[in-house]
């Protein structure tokens, strides 16, 4: 089964909500980066990068998170916190979906 990027993000959101996280926002875009999902995990603000692959070629979904992507995500998360005047602990997670298998890496970077 092949999913669109939006479908994969929705599936990721449902997966994380089933594990206790609360959805705040999706697809927050800035000129310098995008936040796929913004969620809350108790006191933590969680910025989630969702990666989806239909097969394990080239290392699968988790391997698709490049250093440049990490830098853009960090910058976007920092901007989000400043823009919304949030002074709370935060982390950046990666949720990789290879076919229908989920791999959730908390505090990935």
Protein backbone atom coordinates (compact mmCIF):
# COMPACT_ATOMS: atom_id res chain seq x y z
CA UNK A 1 0.00 0.00 0.00
CA UNK A 2 1.40 3.38 -1.03
CA UNK A 3 0.52 6.45 1.02
CA UNK A 4 0.78 10.12 0.16
CA UNK A 5 2.88 12.32 2.43
CA UNK A 6 -0.28 13.75 4.01
CA UNK A 7 -1.68 10.25 4.59
CA UNK A 8 1.59 9.14 6.22
CA UNK A 9 1.55 12.20 8.51
CA UNK A 10 -2.06 11.50 9.49
CA UNK A 11 -1.18 7.86 10.23
CA UNK A 12 1.83 9.02 12.28
CA UNK A 13 -0.36 11.42 14.23
CA UNK A 14 -2.84 8.66 15.04
CA UNK A 15 0.01 6.37 16.09
CA UNK A 16 1.42 8.98 18.48
CA UNK A 17 -2.00 9.94 19.87
CA UNK A 18 -2.60 6.27 20.69
CA UNK A 19 0.59 6.46 22.76
CA UNK A 20 -0.58 9.47 24.76
CA UNK A 21 0.67 12.47 22.80
CA UNK A 22 -1.69 15.36 22.07
CA UNK A 23 -1.84 16.85 18.57
CA UNK A 24 -1.28 20.63 18.41
CA UNK A 25 -0.55 21.40 14.74
CA UNK A 26 0.37 19.85 11.40
CA UNK A 27 2.40 21.07 8.44
CA UNK A 28 3.65 24.29 10.01
CA UNK A 29 5.62 25.97 7.23
CA UNK A 30 8.23 28.70 7.34
CA UNK A 31 10.45 29.85 4.46
CA UNK A 32 13.38 27.99 6.02
CA UNK A 33 11.73 24.76 7.14
CA UNK A 34 8.60 22.77 7.92
CA UNK A 35 7.31 21.00 11.01
CA UNK A 36 5.36 17.88 10.05
CA UNK A 37 3.70 17.50 13.47
CA UNK A 38 3.69 19.59 16.62
CA UNK A 39 2.53 17.59 19.63
CA UNK A 40 2.55 17.65 23.41
CA UNK A 41 3.87 14.85 25.60
CA UNK A 42 2.93 15.96 29.10
CA UNK A 43 5.11 19.04 29.73
CA UNK A 44 7.18 18.55 26.56
CA UNK A 45 6.56 20.18 23.21
CA UNK A 46 7.42 17.59 20.58
CA UNK A 47 8.35 18.41 16.99
CA UNK A 48 7.98 15.29 14.87
CA UNK A 49 9.62 14.63 11.53
CA UNK A 50 7.64 11.97 9.66
CA UNK A 51 9.41 9.85 7.06
CA UNK A 52 7.62 7.27 4.93
CA UNK A 53 9.06 4.72 2.54
CA UNK A 54 7.38 1.84 0.74
CA UNK A 55 10.55 -0.29 0.81
CA UNK A 56 13.84 -0.54 2.69
CA UNK A 57 15.98 0.51 -0.27
CA UNK A 58 18.70 3.10 0.47
CA UNK A 59 18.37 2.45 4.22
CA UNK A 60 14.64 2.95 4.61
CA UNK A 61 12.74 5.86 6.10
CA UNK A 62 14.99 6.50 9.11
CA UNK A 63 18.02 6.94 6.86
CA UNK A 64 16.20 9.69 4.95
CA UNK A 65 16.74 12.23 7.75
CA UNK A 66 19.70 14.21 6.47
CA UNK A 67 21.89 16.67 8.41
CA UNK A 68 20.35 19.48 6.34
CA UNK A 69 16.85 18.30 7.30
CA UNK A 70 17.84 18.22 10.96
CA UNK A 71 19.16 21.79 10.73
CA UNK A 72 15.94 23.03 9.06
CA UNK A 73 13.78 21.23 11.63
CA UNK A 74 15.73 22.70 14.55
CA UNK A 75 15.44 26.19 13.10
CA UNK A 76 11.69 25.80 12.47
CA UNK A 77 11.12 24.40 15.99
CA UNK A 78 13.05 27.28 17.54
CA UNK A 79 11.05 29.78 15.51
CA UNK A 80 7.76 28.11 16.52
CA UNK A 81 8.70 28.33 20.21
CA UNK A 82 9.65 32.00 19.89
CA UNK A 83 6.62 32.93 17.81
CA UNK A 84 4.23 31.32 20.30
CA UNK A 85 6.21 32.55 23.34
CA UNK A 86 6.64 29.01 24.66
CA UNK A 87 9.14 28.52 27.45
CA UNK A 88 8.95 24.80 28.10
CA UNK A 89 11.04 21.69 27.52
CA UNK A 90 10.97 20.39 23.98
CA UNK A 91 12.39 17.63 21.86
CA UNK A 92 12.60 16.58 18.22
CA UNK A 93 11.40 13.07 17.39
CA UNK A 94 11.46 11.08 14.17
CA UNK A 95 8.66 8.70 13.25
CA UNK A 96 9.73 6.48 10.38
CA UNK A 97 7.19 4.36 8.56
CA UNK A 98 8.51 1.58 6.33
CA UNK A 99 5.46 0.02 4.69
CA UNK A 100 3.24 -0.42 7.77
CA UNK A 101 6.08 -0.79 10.31
CA UNK A 102 6.60 2.14 12.68
CA UNK A 103 9.88 3.17 14.26
CA UNK A 104 9.62 6.03 16.77
CA UNK A 105 12.90 7.64 17.79
CA UNK A 106 12.32 10.00 20.72
CA UNK A 107 14.69 12.94 21.20
CA UNK A 108 16.40 12.06 17.94
CA UNK A 109 18.52 15.24 17.81
